[in-house]
């Protein structure tokens, strides 16, 4: 059985270092797993109960929910915007937390990683993302962390996939999510 890990990236910028980190995760997925980089977070309207009506959920939100329902686990990549989680990532979590009690996270394992310009690698944003994920129903892997500081300098000329230290750390993160997702999918 192949384990499907859905990757959500909190930056919409094409050259985002967090997007590059997610691309590296796709490349480093272990045998028996796939990491699928979700495209389309920019098209999802801000969460609003008035438009979250069965049978008429906006197509971009319905597509995200469908992808998340099919996933066995989640890997979120969060930059840090003004000390916290980017709105696009929080919006995705909000859509996936509904319908209340039956959201797509449904006890599935989730880990949060990322890189940021600052000296701490975006830990505040990642902590906030973990908090939101837990409240939304995911089983947050609190001990699975990767915060890479100094992204602008570190990845100025090197893709994260080509940074040996990052590749090793990211491979370990994916293996941990894969292991938990495999347990959950088999249960």
Foldseek 3Di string as FASTA:
>chain_A
DAAEEEEEEQDPDPPDLLVLLLVLLQVLADPRYGYHYDPDLVVQDADDVVQPDPPRNPPSLVVLQVSLLPHLEYEYEAEADPQAGHPSLLRNLVSQLPPPPDGSQAAHEYEYEYAYQAPFQNVSHRVRSLVSNVVSHHPYPVVLYYRHYRCCVVPVPPRLSRPVVSSVSSSVSSVVSRVRSVVSVVD
